[in-house]
Amino acid sequence: MKSISGKTFCKILERKGWILKRVKGSHHIYQNPESNSIVSVPVHSNKDLKIGTLGTLMKNANVSESDLQ
């Protein structure tokens, strides 16, 4: 799996229908309007997310590797 930045992951979430609820510090809090689940994405300028963090975010947000393209 290729690592991507937090900004890029936020754009992917928004394409999938997630809504930005708030920003606290460097964390963008997104909510899925259908399931009311919440995901907190760390956005530190344009640095890539660590692979473990990205994997957990993908699992929680139901995002597949094909969505990262």
PDB file of N, CA and C in Angstrom:
ATOM      1  N   MET A   1       0.851  -1.176   0.000  1.00  0.00           N
ATOM      2  CA  MET A   1       0.000   0.000   0.000  1.00  0.00           C
ATOM      3  C   MET A   1       0.895   1.238   0.000  1.00  0.00           C
ATOM      4  N   LYS A   2       0.564   2.181  -0.853  1.00  0.00           N
ATOM      5  CA  LYS A   2       1.328   3.425  -0.961  1.00  0.00           C
ATOM      6  C   LYS A   2       0.771   4.439   0.031  1.00  0.00           C
ATOM      7  N   SER A   3       1.637   5.117   0.738  1.00  0.00           N
ATOM      8  CA  SER A   3       1.198   6.113   1.716  1.00  0.00           C
ATOM      9  C   SER A   3       0.788   7.407   1.017  1.00  0.00           C
ATOM     10  N   ILE A   4      -0.209   8.082   1.588  1.00  0.00           N
ATOM     11  CA  ILE A   4      -0.667   9.362   1.050  1.00  0.00           C
ATOM     12  C   ILE A   4      -0.718  10.378   2.183  1.00  0.00           C
ATOM     13  N   SER A   5      -0.867  11.631   1.837  1.00  0.00           N
ATOM     14  CA  SER A   5      -0.914  12.678   2.864  1.00  0.00           C
ATOM     15  C   SER A   5      -2.305  12.746   3.488  1.00  0.00           C
ATOM     16  N   GLY A   6      -2.395  13.400   4.624  1.00  0.00           N
ATOM     17  CA  GLY A   6      -3.677  13.591   5.292  1.00  0.00           C
ATOM     18  C   GLY A   6      -4.625  14.429   4.453  1.00  0.00           C
ATOM     19  N   LYS A   7      -4.084  15.438   3.761  1.00  0.00           N
ATOM     20  CA  LYS A   7      -4.908  16.291   2.882  1.00  0.00           C
ATOM     21  C   LYS A   7      -5.562  15.460   1.791  1.00  0.00           C
ATOM     22  N   THR A   8      -4.785  14.576   1.189  1.00  0.00           N
ATOM     23  CA  THR A   8      -5.303  13.729   0.115  1.00  0.00           C
ATOM     24  C   THR A   8      -6.376  12.788   0.642  1.00  0.00           C
ATOM     25  N   PHE A   9      -6.156  12.230   1.841  1.00  0.00           N
ATOM     26  CA  PHE A   9      -7.146  11.327   2.419  1.00  0.00           C
ATOM     27  C   PHE A   9      -8.444  12.078   2.712  1.00  0.00           C
ATOM     28  N   CYS A  10      -8.340  13.329   3.123  1.00  0.00           N
ATOM     29  CA  CYS A  10      -9.533  14.150   3.372  1.00  0.00           C
ATOM     30  C   CYS A  10     -10.327  14.332   2.078  1.00  0.00           C
ATOM     31  N   LYS A  11      -9.641  14.570   0.969  1.00  0.00           N
ATOM     32  CA  LYS A  11     -10.314  14.732  -0.321  1.00  0.00           C
ATOM     33  C   LYS A  11     -11.036  13.449  -0.716  1.00  0.00           C
ATOM     34  N   ILE A  12     -10.420  12.304  -0.443  1.00  0.00           N
ATOM     35  CA  ILE A  12     -11.037  11.008  -0.756  1.00  0.00           C
ATOM     36  C   ILE A  12     -12.302  10.821   0.078  1.00  0.00           C
ATOM     37  N   LEU A  13     -12.221  11.166   1.368  1.00  0.00           N
ATOM     38  CA  LEU A  13     -13.401  11.044   2.235  1.00  0.00           C
ATOM     39  C   LEU A  13     -14.542  11.922   1.730  1.00  0.00           C
ATOM     40  N   GLU A  14     -14.218  13.147   1.328  1.00  0.00           N
ATOM     41  CA  GLU A  14     -15.251  14.061   0.846  1.00  0.00           C
ATOM     42  C   GLU A  14     -15.892  13.543  -0.440  1.00  0.00           C
ATOM     43  N   ARG A  15     -15.105  12.904  -1.309  1.00  0.00           N
ATOM     44  CA  ARG A  15     -15.668  12.307  -2.524  1.00  0.00           C
ATOM     45  C   ARG A  15     -16.625  11.170  -2.188  1.00  0.00           C
ATOM     46  N   LYS A  16     -16.359  10.465  -1.081  1.00  0.00           N
ATOM     47  CA  LYS A  16     -17.201   9.339  -0.682  1.00  0.00           C
ATOM     48  C   LYS A  16     -18.398   9.778   0.157  1.00  0.00           C
ATOM     49  N   GLY A  17     -18.578  11.094   0.353  1.00  0.00           N
ATOM     50  CA  GLY A  17     -19.769  11.597   1.021  1.00  0.00           C
ATOM     51  C   GLY A  17     -19.594  11.967   2.488  1.00  0.00           C
ATOM     52  N   TRP A  18     -18.379  11.876   3.012  1.00  0.00           N
ATOM     53  CA  TRP A  18     -18.134  12.256   4.400  1.00  0.00           C
ATOM     54  C   TRP A  18     -18.173  13.777   4.512  1.00  0.00           C
ATOM     55  N   ILE A  19     -18.593  14.286   5.664  1.00  0.00           N
ATOM     56  CA  ILE A  19     -18.739  15.721   5.881  1.00  0.00           C
ATOM     57  C   ILE A  19     -17.767  16.168   6.971  1.00  0.00           C
ATOM     58  N   LEU A  20     -17.034  17.258   6.694  1.00  0.00           N
ATOM     59  CA  LEU A  20     -16.127  17.826   7.691  1.00  0.00           C
ATOM     60  C   LEU A  20     -16.959  18.508   8.764  1.00  0.00           C
ATOM     61  N   LYS A  21     -16.869  18.019  10.001  1.00  0.00           N
ATOM     62  CA  LYS A  21     -17.647  18.581  11.098  1.00  0.00           C
ATOM     63  C   LYS A  21     -16.888  19.692  11.812  1.00  0.00           C
ATOM     64  N   ARG A  22     -15.607  19.460  12.062  1.00  0.00           N
ATOM     65  CA  ARG A  22     -14.819  20.475  12.760  1.00  0.00           C
ATOM     66  C   ARG A  22     -13.331  20.178  12.579  1.00  0.00           C
ATOM     67  N   VAL A  23     -12.523  21.158  12.930  1.00  0.00           N
ATOM     68  CA  VAL A  23     -11.074  21.005  12.918  1.00  0.00           C
ATOM     69  C   VAL A  23     -10.578  21.389  14.303  1.00  0.00           C
ATOM     70  N   LYS A  24      -9.834  20.490  14.921  1.00  0.00           N
ATOM     71  CA  LYS A  24      -9.272  20.774  16.241  1.00  0.00           C
ATOM     72  C   LYS A  24      -7.763  20.587  16.132  1.00  0.00           C
ATOM     73  N   GLY A  25      -7.066  21.705  16.113  1.00  0.00           N
ATOM     74  CA  GLY A  25      -5.620  21.638  15.929  1.00  0.00           C
ATOM     75  C   GLY A  25      -5.306  21.172  14.521  1.00  0.00           C
ATOM     76  N   SER A  26      -4.561  20.077  14.422  1.00  0.00           N
ATOM     77  CA  SER A  26      -4.205  19.562  13.106  1.00  0.00           C
ATOM     78  C   SER A  26      -5.061  18.349  12.722  1.00  0.00           C
ATOM     79  N   HIS A  27      -6.129  18.091  13.457  1.00  0.00           N
ATOM     80  CA  HIS A  27      -6.983  16.942  13.172  1.00  0.00           C
ATOM     81  C   HIS A  27      -8.319  17.387  12.581  1.00  0.00           C
ATOM     82  N   HIS A  28      -8.647  16.833  11.439  1.00  0.00           N
ATOM     83  CA  HIS A  28      -9.912  17.124  10.775  1.00  0.00           C
ATOM     84  C   HIS A  28     -10.887  16.008  11.124  1.00  0.00           C
ATOM     85  N   ILE A  29     -12.014  16.356  11.707  1.00  0.00           N
ATOM     86  CA  ILE A  29     -12.999  15.391  12.170  1.00  0.00           C
ATOM     87  C   ILE A  29     -14.104  15.284  11.122  1.00  0.00           C
ATOM     88  N   TYR A  30     -14.251  14.097  10.533  1.00  0.00           N
ATOM     89  CA  TYR A  30     -15.260  13.848   9.503  1.00  0.00           C
ATOM     90  C   TYR A  30     -16.344  12.929  10.046  1.00  0.00           C
ATOM     91  N   GLN A  31     -17.578  13.133   9.557  1.00  0.00           N
ATOM     92  CA  GLN A  31     -18.703  12.297   9.960  1.00  0.00           C
ATOM     93  C   GLN A  31     -19.400  11.776   8.710  1.00  0.00           C
ATOM     94  N   ASN A  32     -19.775  10.503   8.766  1.00  0.00           N
ATOM     95  CA  ASN A  32     -20.533   9.899   7.678  1.00  0.00           C
ATOM     96  C   ASN A  32     -22.010  10.126   7.957  1.00  0.00           C
ATOM     97  N   PRO A  33     -22.735  10.828   7.078  1.00  0.00           N
ATOM     98  CA  PRO A  33     -24.138  11.147   7.348  1.00  0.00           C
ATOM     99  C   PRO A  33     -25.044   9.916   7.382  1.00  0.00           C
ATOM    100  N   GLU A  34     -24.653   8.822   6.703  1.00  0.00           N
ATOM    101  CA  GLU A  34     -25.485   7.627   6.669  1.00  0.00           C
ATOM    102  C   GLU A  34     -25.365   6.810   7.953  1.00  0.00           C
ATOM    103  N   SER A  35     -24.135   6.600   8.414  1.00  0.00           N
ATOM    104  CA  SER A  35     -23.926   5.721   9.572  1.00  0.00           C
ATOM    105  C   SER A  35     -23.561   6.479  10.856  1.00  0.00           C
ATOM    106  N   ASN A  36     -23.387   7.795  10.764  1.00  0.00           N
ATOM    107  CA  ASN A  36     -22.984   8.629  11.898  1.00  0.00           C
ATOM    108  C   ASN A  36     -21.632   8.236  12.495  1.00  0.00           C
ATOM    109  N   SER A  37     -20.809   7.467  11.760  1.00  0.00           N
ATOM    110  CA  SER A  37     -19.476   7.167  12.258  1.00  0.00           C
ATOM    111  C   SER A  37     -18.576   8.376  12.083  1.00  0.00           C
ATOM    112  N   ILE A  38     -17.544   8.436  12.923  1.00  0.00           N
ATOM    113  CA  ILE A  38     -16.640   9.583  12.944  1.00  0.00           C
ATOM    114  C   ILE A  38     -15.209   9.103  12.716  1.00  0.00           C
ATOM    115  N   VAL A  39     -14.459   9.877  11.923  1.00  0.00           N
ATOM    116  CA  VAL A  39     -13.051   9.585  11.648  1.00  0.00           C
ATOM    117  C   VAL A  39     -12.254  10.864  11.865  1.00  0.00           C
ATOM    118  N   SER A  40     -11.143  10.737  12.577  1.00  0.00           N
ATOM    119  CA  SER A  40     -10.270  11.880  12.822  1.00  0.00           C
ATOM    120  C   SER A  40      -8.995  11.714  11.995  1.00  0.00           C
ATOM    121  N   VAL A  41      -8.784  12.630  11.055  1.00  0.00           N
ATOM    122  CA  VAL A  41      -7.639  12.541  10.140  1.00  0.00           C
ATOM    123  C   VAL A  41      -6.581  13.566  10.539  1.00  0.00           C
ATOM    124  N   PRO A  42      -5.360  13.104  10.864  1.00  0.00           N
ATOM    125  CA  PRO A  42      -4.288  14.061  11.169  1.00  0.00           C
ATOM    126  C   PRO A  42      -3.753  14.686   9.884  1.00  0.00           C
ATOM    127  N   VAL A  43      -3.769  16.007   9.818  1.00  0.00           N
ATOM    128  CA  VAL A  43      -3.268  16.717   8.639  1.00  0.00           C
ATOM    129  C   VAL A  43      -2.102  17.592   9.087  1.00  0.00           C
ATOM    130  N   HIS A  44      -0.897  17.110   8.821  1.00  0.00           N
ATOM    131  CA  HIS A  44       0.308  17.849   9.182  1.00  0.00           C
ATOM    132  C   HIS A  44       0.981  18.303   7.905  1.00  0.00           C
ATOM    133  N   SER A  45       0.660  19.501   7.484  1.00  0.00           N
ATOM    134  CA  SER A  45       1.087  20.103   6.208  1.00  0.00           C
ATOM    135  C   SER A  45       0.885  19.088   5.094  1.00  0.00           C
ATOM    136  N   ASN A  46       1.927  18.680   4.406  1.00  0.00           N
ATOM    137  CA  ASN A  46       1.762  17.739   3.307  1.00  0.00           C
ATOM    138  C   ASN A  46       2.522  16.442   3.575  1.00  0.00           C
ATOM    139  N   LYS A  47       2.739  16.102   4.849  1.00  0.00           N
ATOM    140  CA  LYS A  47       3.460  14.880   5.203  1.00  0.00           C
ATOM    141  C   LYS A  47       2.559  13.665   5.000  1.00  0.00           C
ATOM    142  N   ASP A  48       3.181  12.567   4.588  1.00  0.00           N
ATOM    143  CA  ASP A  48       2.440  11.328   4.394  1.00  0.00           C
ATOM    144  C   ASP A  48       2.041  10.733   5.731  1.00  0.00           C
ATOM    145  N   LEU A  49       0.876  10.078   5.729  1.00  0.00           N
ATOM    146  CA  LEU A  49       0.425   9.358   6.915  1.00  0.00           C
ATOM    147  C   LEU A  49       1.257   8.088   7.050  1.00  0.00           C
ATOM    148  N   LYS A  50       1.483   7.637   8.275  1.00  0.00           N
ATOM    149  CA  LYS A  50       2.179   6.375   8.470  1.00  0.00           C
ATOM    150  C   LYS A  50       1.259   5.253   7.988  1.00  0.00           C
ATOM    151  N   ILE A  51       1.869   4.164   7.549  1.00  0.00           N
ATOM    152  CA  ILE A  51       1.111   3.063   6.955  1.00  0.00           C
ATOM    153  C   ILE A  51       0.078   2.499   7.933  1.00  0.00           C
ATOM    154  N   GLY A  52       0.449   2.328   9.196  1.00  0.00           N
ATOM    155  CA  GLY A  52      -0.487   1.798  10.193  1.00  0.00           C
ATOM    156  C   GLY A  52      -1.657   2.738  10.429  1.00  0.00           C
ATOM    157  N   THR A  53      -1.380   4.020  10.496  1.00  0.00           N
ATOM    158  CA  THR A  53      -2.435   5.025  10.673  1.00  0.00           C
ATOM    159  C   THR A  53      -3.368   5.031   9.476  1.00  0.00           C
ATOM    160  N   LEU A  54      -2.786   4.995   8.283  1.00  0.00           N
ATOM    161  CA  LEU A  54      -3.588   4.984   7.064  1.00  0.00           C
ATOM    162  C   LEU A  54      -4.471   3.738   7.002  1.00  0.00           C
ATOM    163  N   GLY A  55      -3.918   2.594   7.369  1.00  0.00           N
ATOM    164  CA  GLY A  55      -4.685   1.353   7.363  1.00  0.00           C
ATOM    165  C   GLY A  55      -5.865   1.401   8.315  1.00  0.00           C
ATOM    166  N   THR A  56      -5.651   1.944   9.496  1.00  0.00           N
ATOM    167  CA  THR A  56      -6.727   2.068  10.476  1.00  0.00           C
ATOM    168  C   THR A  56      -7.799   3.036   9.995  1.00  0.00           C
ATOM    169  N   LEU A  57      -7.382   4.163   9.426  1.00  0.00           N
ATOM    170  CA  LEU A  57      -8.347   5.130   8.903  1.00  0.00           C
ATOM    171  C   LEU A  57      -9.163   4.519   7.767  1.00  0.00           C
ATOM    172  N   MET A  58      -8.497   3.779   6.887  1.00  0.00           N
ATOM    173  CA  MET A  58      -9.200   3.142   5.773  1.00  0.00           C
ATOM    174  C   MET A  58     -10.224   2.132   6.281  1.00  0.00           C
ATOM    175  N   LYS A  59      -9.843   1.369   7.288  1.00  0.00           N
ATOM    176  CA  LYS A  59     -10.757   0.363   7.845  1.00  0.00           C
ATOM    177  C   LYS A  59     -11.962   1.043   8.492  1.00  0.00           C
ATOM    178  N   ASN A  60     -11.721   2.083   9.284  1.00  0.00           N
ATOM    179  CA  ASN A  60     -12.806   2.786   9.976  1.00  0.00           C
ATOM    180  C   ASN A  60     -13.733   3.526   9.020  1.00  0.00           C
ATOM    181  N   ALA A  61     -13.178   4.033   7.911  1.00  0.00           N
ATOM    182  CA  ALA A  61     -13.970   4.818   6.961  1.00  0.00           C
ATOM    183  C   ALA A  61     -14.498   3.971   5.809  1.00  0.00           C
ATOM    184  N   ASN A  62     -14.164   2.676   5.820  1.00  0.00           N
ATOM    185  CA  ASN A  62     -14.600   1.766   4.758  1.00  0.00           C
ATOM    186  C   ASN A  62     -14.111   2.244   3.395  1.00  0.00           C
ATOM    187  N   VAL A  63     -12.818   2.560   3.323  1.00  0.00           N
ATOM    188  CA  VAL A  63     -12.175   3.008   2.088  1.00  0.00           C
ATOM    189  C   VAL A  63     -11.250   1.889   1.629  1.00  0.00           C
ATOM    190  N   SER A  64     -11.341   1.502   0.363  1.00  0.00           N
ATOM    191  CA  SER A  64     -10.492   0.434  -0.172  1.00  0.00           C
ATOM    192  C   SER A  64      -9.248   1.026  -0.826  1.00  0.00           C
ATOM    193  N   GLU A  65      -8.302   0.144  -1.128  1.00  0.00           N
ATOM    194  CA  GLU A  65      -7.064   0.609  -1.773  1.00  0.00           C
ATOM    195  C   GLU A  65      -7.335   1.183  -3.161  1.00  0.00           C
ATOM    196  N   SER A  66      -8.359   0.675  -3.827  1.00  0.00           N
ATOM    197  CA  SER A  66      -8.685   1.192  -5.162  1.00  0.00           C
ATOM    198  C   SER A  66      -9.206   2.633  -5.091  1.00  0.00           C
ATOM    199  N   ASP A  67      -9.759   3.038  -3.929  1.00  0.00           N
ATOM    200  CA  ASP A  67     -10.228   4.415  -3.753  1.00  0.00           C
ATOM    201  C   ASP A  67      -9.062   5.392  -3.636  1.00  0.00           C
ATOM    202  N   LEU A  68      -7.875   4.897  -3.298  1.00  0.00           N
ATOM    203  CA  LEU A  68      -6.715   5.771  -3.113  1.00  0.00           C
ATOM    204  C   LEU A  68      -6.123   6.222  -4.438  1.00  0.00           C
ATOM    205  N   GLN A  69      -6.516   5.610  -5.518  1.00  0.00           N
ATOM    206  CA  GLN A  69      -5.972   5.949  -6.837  1.00  0.00           C
ATOM    207  C   GLN A  69      -6.428   7.314  -7.291  1.00  0.00           C
TER     208      GLN A  69
END
